[in-house]
Amino acid sequence: MSPLTETQRLVRRAVVLGDTEAARALLVGGEDPTKRLAIHHRHYRASLVRTLLDRFPALTWLVGSEAVTSAAISYVTEHPPITPSLSEFGQSFPTYLAERPGLDALGYLTAFGELEWHVGTVSIAVDVPGLTIESIVAAANQDDATLALQPGVRYVHAAWPVHELMRFFLSGSAPDRYELRREDAWIEVRGARGEFHIHSLDASAWVFRRELQAGKSIASAAEIAADVDAGFDAGAALGRIIAAGLVAAVHSAE
């Protein structure tokens, strides 16, 4: 291991894990220079924990700040950022939180956190002008035509109606009593420039849109949606997508 690599490893251990003793030989000045290095560890932990709490206020509302903060402190040590942008940090935190003792019985927790993650992601997206039906119809008649949807749209399939919980949080008007029953939820999250909307779709419409987003041709996406619901009307479904301004571009091999 090169001297630089070893130095980086020791400094990383000090900042991420708080192991300042291992880096003592690298430090000079003062009676106990490890105390200065420990400041960086405290700042690292505090700033990332605050990042998670700010990113997941709905999770905090749902299970309590004590449980979320405790999980966040462990998470930032075990899962330090791997990209320079903190906006990308914490995507796996809902799953990590849901596996904590005492919370692992809440089967909907991961899906709720995933929904909140997507809300935060789409709300900072920037829409492009949606295409009109006139600009799409010619290419859409080609069997290989594909559509690019708006950048601020995500599709979440959950085994619980977590969008209802999210609406309670957003409205600040949770009922005194609410029984969350296990049932499939097909959710579209769309946002841009600080705003977002959450829609519940039927299964075939959700599958159609999700397959289009994944790069499937219009024809292929329609076939997959028809497997979900034999009565699926691809023309009507495509018309609704266009009317909603979801189509950002259309592509054909020809």
Protein backbone atom coordinates (compact mmCIF):
# COMPACT_ATOMS: atom_id res chain seq x y z
CA MET A 1 0.00 0.00 0.00
CA SER A 2 1.44 3.37 -1.00
CA PRO A 3 2.11 6.02 1.69
CA LEU A 4 -0.63 8.25 0.21
CA THR A 5 -3.17 5.41 0.17
CA GLU A 6 -2.34 4.51 3.76
CA THR A 7 -2.68 8.15 4.83
CA GLN A 8 -6.05 8.40 3.13
CA ARG A 9 -7.20 5.17 4.82
CA LEU A 10 -6.22 6.40 8.27
CA VAL A 11 -7.83 9.80 7.79
CA ARG A 12 -10.99 8.13 6.50
CA ARG A 13 -11.14 5.91 9.58
CA ALA A 14 -10.75 8.94 11.78
CA VAL A 15 -13.44 10.98 10.04
CA VAL A 16 -15.98 8.21 9.38
CA LEU A 17 -15.41 5.87 12.35
CA GLY A 18 -13.95 8.28 14.89
CA ASP A 19 -10.77 6.20 15.19
CA THR A 20 -8.35 9.11 15.69
CA GLU A 21 -5.70 7.04 17.50
CA ALA A 22 -4.82 5.16 14.31
CA ALA A 23 -3.95 8.47 12.64
CA ARG A 24 -1.99 9.90 15.60
CA ALA A 25 1.39 9.40 13.92
CA LEU A 26 0.28 11.62 11.02
CA LEU A 27 -0.51 14.59 13.27
CA VAL A 28 1.75 17.32 14.61
CA GLY A 29 1.31 20.32 16.86
CA GLY A 30 -0.46 20.79 20.14
CA GLU A 31 -0.64 18.64 23.24
CA ASP A 32 -3.19 16.25 21.73
CA PRO A 33 -3.69 16.80 17.97
CA THR A 34 -6.21 13.94 17.80
CA LYS A 35 -8.75 16.28 19.41
CA ARG A 36 -8.60 18.50 16.34
CA LEU A 37 -9.17 15.52 14.06
CA ALA A 38 -12.09 14.42 16.23
CA ILE A 39 -13.82 17.70 15.38
CA HIS A 40 -14.02 16.54 11.75
CA HIS A 41 -15.59 13.25 12.82
CA ARG A 42 -18.26 15.05 14.82
CA HIS A 43 -18.95 17.40 11.94
CA TYR A 44 -19.12 14.49 9.46
CA ARG A 45 -21.62 12.62 11.60
CA ALA A 46 -23.75 15.62 12.52
CA SER A 47 -23.97 16.98 8.97
CA LEU A 48 -24.91 13.63 7.41
CA VAL A 49 -27.42 12.81 10.12
CA ARG A 50 -29.02 16.21 9.51
CA THR A 51 -29.02 15.48 5.77
CA LEU A 52 -30.99 12.28 6.37
CA LEU A 53 -33.45 13.91 8.76
CA ASP A 54 -34.05 16.72 6.27
CA ARG A 55 -34.46 14.23 3.43
CA PHE A 56 -36.93 11.99 5.26
CA PRO A 57 -39.24 14.17 7.37
CA ALA A 58 -42.20 11.90 6.59
CA LEU A 59 -40.35 8.84 7.91
CA THR A 60 -39.55 10.83 11.03
CA TRP A 61 -43.23 11.75 11.39
CA LEU A 62 -44.24 8.12 10.96
CA VAL A 63 -41.89 6.35 13.38
CA GLY A 64 -40.55 9.17 15.59
CA SER A 65 -37.42 11.31 15.63
CA GLU A 66 -35.65 9.19 18.25
CA ALA A 67 -35.81 6.01 16.14
CA VAL A 68 -34.84 7.78 12.92
CA THR A 69 -31.98 9.72 14.51
CA SER A 70 -30.57 6.58 16.14
CA ALA A 71 -30.71 4.73 12.81
CA ALA A 72 -29.18 7.69 10.98
CA ILE A 73 -26.18 7.81 13.34
CA SER A 74 -25.43 4.14 12.63
CA TYR A 75 -26.17 4.48 8.91
CA VAL A 76 -23.68 7.30 8.25
CA THR A 77 -20.94 5.16 9.79
CA GLU A 78 -21.82 1.96 7.97
CA HIS A 79 -22.81 3.56 4.65
CA PRO A 80 -20.71 6.68 4.03
CA PRO A 81 -21.39 8.69 0.85
CA ILE A 82 -19.88 7.27 -2.34
CA THR A 83 -20.64 10.28 -4.59
CA PRO A 84 -19.72 13.96 -4.20
CA SER A 85 -23.36 15.08 -4.18
CA LEU A 86 -25.28 14.80 -0.92
CA SER A 87 -28.52 14.88 -2.92
CA GLU A 88 -27.71 11.27 -3.85
CA PHE A 89 -26.97 10.18 -0.29
CA GLY A 90 -29.41 8.02 1.66
CA GLN A 91 -31.40 6.13 -0.96
CA SER A 92 -30.96 2.87 0.95
CA PHE A 93 -31.75 4.45 4.33
CA PRO A 94 -35.46 3.44 4.36
CA THR A 95 -34.51 -0.23 3.98
CA TYR A 96 -31.85 0.15 6.66
CA LEU A 97 -34.36 1.78 9.00
CA ALA A 98 -36.98 -0.89 8.33
CA GLU A 99 -34.54 -3.61 9.39
CA ARG A 100 -33.89 -2.07 12.81
CA PRO A 101 -35.16 -3.99 15.85
CA GLY A 102 -38.63 -2.84 16.76
CA LEU A 103 -39.33 -1.51 13.28
CA ASP A 104 -38.87 -4.70 11.28
CA ALA A 105 -42.52 -5.62 11.83
CA LEU A 106 -43.66 -2.55 9.86
CA GLY A 107 -43.83 -4.15 6.44
CA TYR A 108 -44.76 -0.90 4.71
CA LEU A 109 -41.84 1.16 6.03
CA THR A 110 -39.43 0.54 3.14
CA ALA A 111 -42.07 1.35 0.52
CA PHE A 112 -43.07 4.53 2.36
CA GLY A 113 -39.45 5.64 2.53
CA GLU A 114 -38.93 4.80 -1.13
CA LEU A 115 -41.92 6.96 -2.01
CA GLU A 116 -40.51 9.83 0.05
CA TRP A 117 -37.12 9.46 -1.65
CA HIS A 118 -38.76 9.79 -5.07
CA VAL A 119 -40.77 12.80 -3.92
CA GLY A 120 -37.54 14.54 -3.00
CA THR A 121 -35.87 13.52 -6.25
CA VAL A 122 -38.60 14.62 -8.64
CA SER A 123 -39.26 17.90 -6.87
CA ILE A 124 -35.86 19.22 -7.97
CA ALA A 125 -36.22 18.04 -11.58
CA VAL A 126 -36.77 20.43 -14.47
CA ASP A 127 -39.54 19.64 -16.96
CA VAL A 128 -39.05 20.11 -20.69
CA PRO A 129 -41.93 21.20 -22.97
CA GLY A 130 -44.30 18.27 -23.43
CA LEU A 131 -44.89 17.14 -26.99
CA THR A 132 -48.30 17.55 -28.59
CA ILE A 133 -50.21 14.72 -30.21
CA GLU A 134 -49.50 16.22 -33.64
CA SER A 135 -45.75 15.94 -33.10
CA ILE A 136 -46.04 12.37 -31.85
CA VAL A 137 -48.62 10.69 -34.05
CA ALA A 138 -46.42 10.04 -37.09
CA ALA A 139 -43.62 8.39 -35.15
CA ALA A 140 -46.01 6.64 -32.79
CA ASN A 141 -47.39 4.64 -35.71
CA GLN A 142 -44.01 2.96 -36.10
CA ASP A 143 -43.73 -0.40 -34.32
CA ASP A 144 -40.33 0.51 -32.89
CA ALA A 145 -41.24 3.99 -31.64
CA THR A 146 -40.18 4.78 -28.09
CA LEU A 147 -41.05 7.69 -25.83
CA ALA A 148 -38.86 9.60 -23.42
CA LEU A 149 -40.91 10.72 -20.44
CA GLN A 150 -40.31 13.82 -18.35
CA PRO A 151 -37.23 13.62 -16.10
CA GLY A 152 -39.29 14.30 -12.99
CA VAL A 153 -41.51 11.22 -13.05
CA ARG A 154 -41.10 7.99 -11.07
CA TYR A 155 -43.18 4.84 -10.72
CA VAL A 156 -43.53 3.01 -7.41
CA HIS A 157 -45.28 -0.30 -6.90
CA ALA A 158 -45.98 -0.98 -3.24
CA ALA A 159 -47.77 -3.78 -1.42
CA TRP A 160 -49.35 -1.16 0.84
CA PRO A 161 -51.22 2.09 0.04
CA VAL A 162 -48.31 4.20 1.26
CA HIS A 163 -49.45 7.15 -0.86
CA GLU A 164 -52.36 7.52 1.56
CA LEU A 165 -49.96 7.79 4.48
CA MET A 166 -47.95 10.36 2.54
CA ARG A 167 -51.08 12.44 1.94
CA PHE A 168 -51.80 12.43 5.68
CA PHE A 169 -48.29 13.72 6.32
CA LEU A 170 -48.44 16.38 3.62
CA SER A 171 -51.86 17.64 4.63
CA GLY A 172 -51.12 17.58 8.35
CA SER A 173 -54.53 16.07 8.94
CA ALA A 174 -54.03 12.44 9.91
CA PRO A 175 -57.20 10.82 11.28
CA ASP A 176 -57.35 9.77 14.91
CA ARG A 177 -57.61 6.17 13.77
CA TYR A 178 -56.49 4.65 10.48
CA GLU A 179 -56.13 0.99 9.57
CA LEU A 180 -53.53 0.43 6.88
CA ARG A 181 -54.53 -2.66 4.96
CA ARG A 182 -52.21 -4.59 2.72
CA GLU A 183 -53.13 -4.01 -0.94
CA ASP A 184 -51.23 -3.24 -4.11
CA ALA A 185 -50.66 0.41 -4.88
CA TRP A 186 -49.54 1.58 -8.32
CA ILE A 187 -48.15 5.05 -7.82
CA GLU A 188 -46.90 7.77 -10.14
CA VAL A 189 -44.84 10.58 -8.63
CA ARG A 190 -44.31 13.64 -10.79
CA GLY A 191 -42.53 16.83 -9.90
CA ALA A 192 -40.47 19.78 -11.08
CA ARG A 193 -39.07 23.02 -9.68
CA GLY A 194 -40.01 22.42 -6.07
CA GLU A 195 -43.47 20.99 -6.68
CA PHE A 196 -44.74 17.42 -6.94
CA HIS A 197 -47.92 15.40 -7.35
CA ILE A 198 -48.72 11.84 -6.34
CA HIS A 199 -51.23 9.87 -8.39
CA SER A 200 -52.69 6.41 -7.97
CA LEU A 201 -53.02 4.47 -11.24
CA ASP A 202 -54.61 1.17 -12.17
CA ALA A 203 -52.15 -1.65 -12.71
CA SER A 204 -52.22 -1.73 -16.52
CA ALA A 205 -51.79 2.05 -16.88
CA TRP A 206 -48.90 1.96 -14.42
CA VAL A 207 -47.22 -0.91 -16.25
CA PHE A 208 -47.66 0.83 -19.61
CA ARG A 209 -46.04 4.03 -18.37
CA ARG A 210 -43.30 2.24 -16.49
CA GLU A 211 -42.36 0.15 -19.51
CA LEU A 212 -42.28 3.24 -21.70
CA GLN A 213 -40.00 4.93 -19.19
CA ALA A 214 -37.76 1.87 -19.23
CA GLY A 215 -37.27 2.29 -23.00
CA LYS A 216 -39.74 -0.25 -24.34
CA SER A 217 -41.44 0.57 -27.63
CA ILE A 218 -45.03 1.74 -27.53
CA ALA A 219 -46.14 -1.56 -29.05
CA SER A 220 -44.18 -3.66 -26.56
CA ALA A 221 -45.35 -1.61 -23.58
CA ALA A 222 -48.95 -1.99 -24.75
CA GLU A 223 -48.56 -5.78 -25.04
CA ILE A 224 -47.17 -6.02 -21.52
CA ALA A 225 -49.99 -3.85 -20.16
CA ALA A 226 -52.54 -6.03 -21.98
CA ASP A 227 -51.12 -9.06 -20.18
CA VAL A 228 -52.08 -7.32 -16.94
CA ASP A 229 -55.55 -6.34 -18.18
CA ALA A 230 -56.98 -7.83 -21.36
CA GLY A 231 -59.23 -4.78 -21.70
CA PHE A 232 -56.32 -2.33 -21.77
CA ASP A 233 -56.88 0.43 -24.37
CA ALA A 234 -53.45 1.47 -25.59
CA GLY A 235 -54.73 4.37 -27.68
CA ALA A 236 -56.62 5.91 -24.78
CA ALA A 237 -53.71 5.32 -22.41
CA LEU A 238 -51.28 6.98 -24.81
CA GLY A 239 -53.64 9.90 -25.24
CA ARG A 240 -53.76 10.46 -21.47
CA ILE A 241 -49.96 10.43 -21.26
CA ILE A 242 -49.72 13.03 -24.02
CA ALA A 243 -52.47 15.20 -22.53
CA ALA A 244 -50.64 15.18 -19.19
CA GLY A 245 -47.52 16.55 -20.86
CA LEU A 246 -45.50 13.51 -19.88
CA VAL A 247 -43.89 12.92 -23.26
CA ALA A 248 -40.60 14.78 -23.57
CA ALA A 249 -39.39 13.17 -26.81
CA VAL A 250 -40.25 10.47 -29.32
CA HIS A 251 -37.76 8.27 -31.12
CA SER A 252 -37.95 5.87 -34.03
CA ALA A 253 -35.27 3.72 -35.64
CA GLU A 254 -36.19 5.07 -39.09
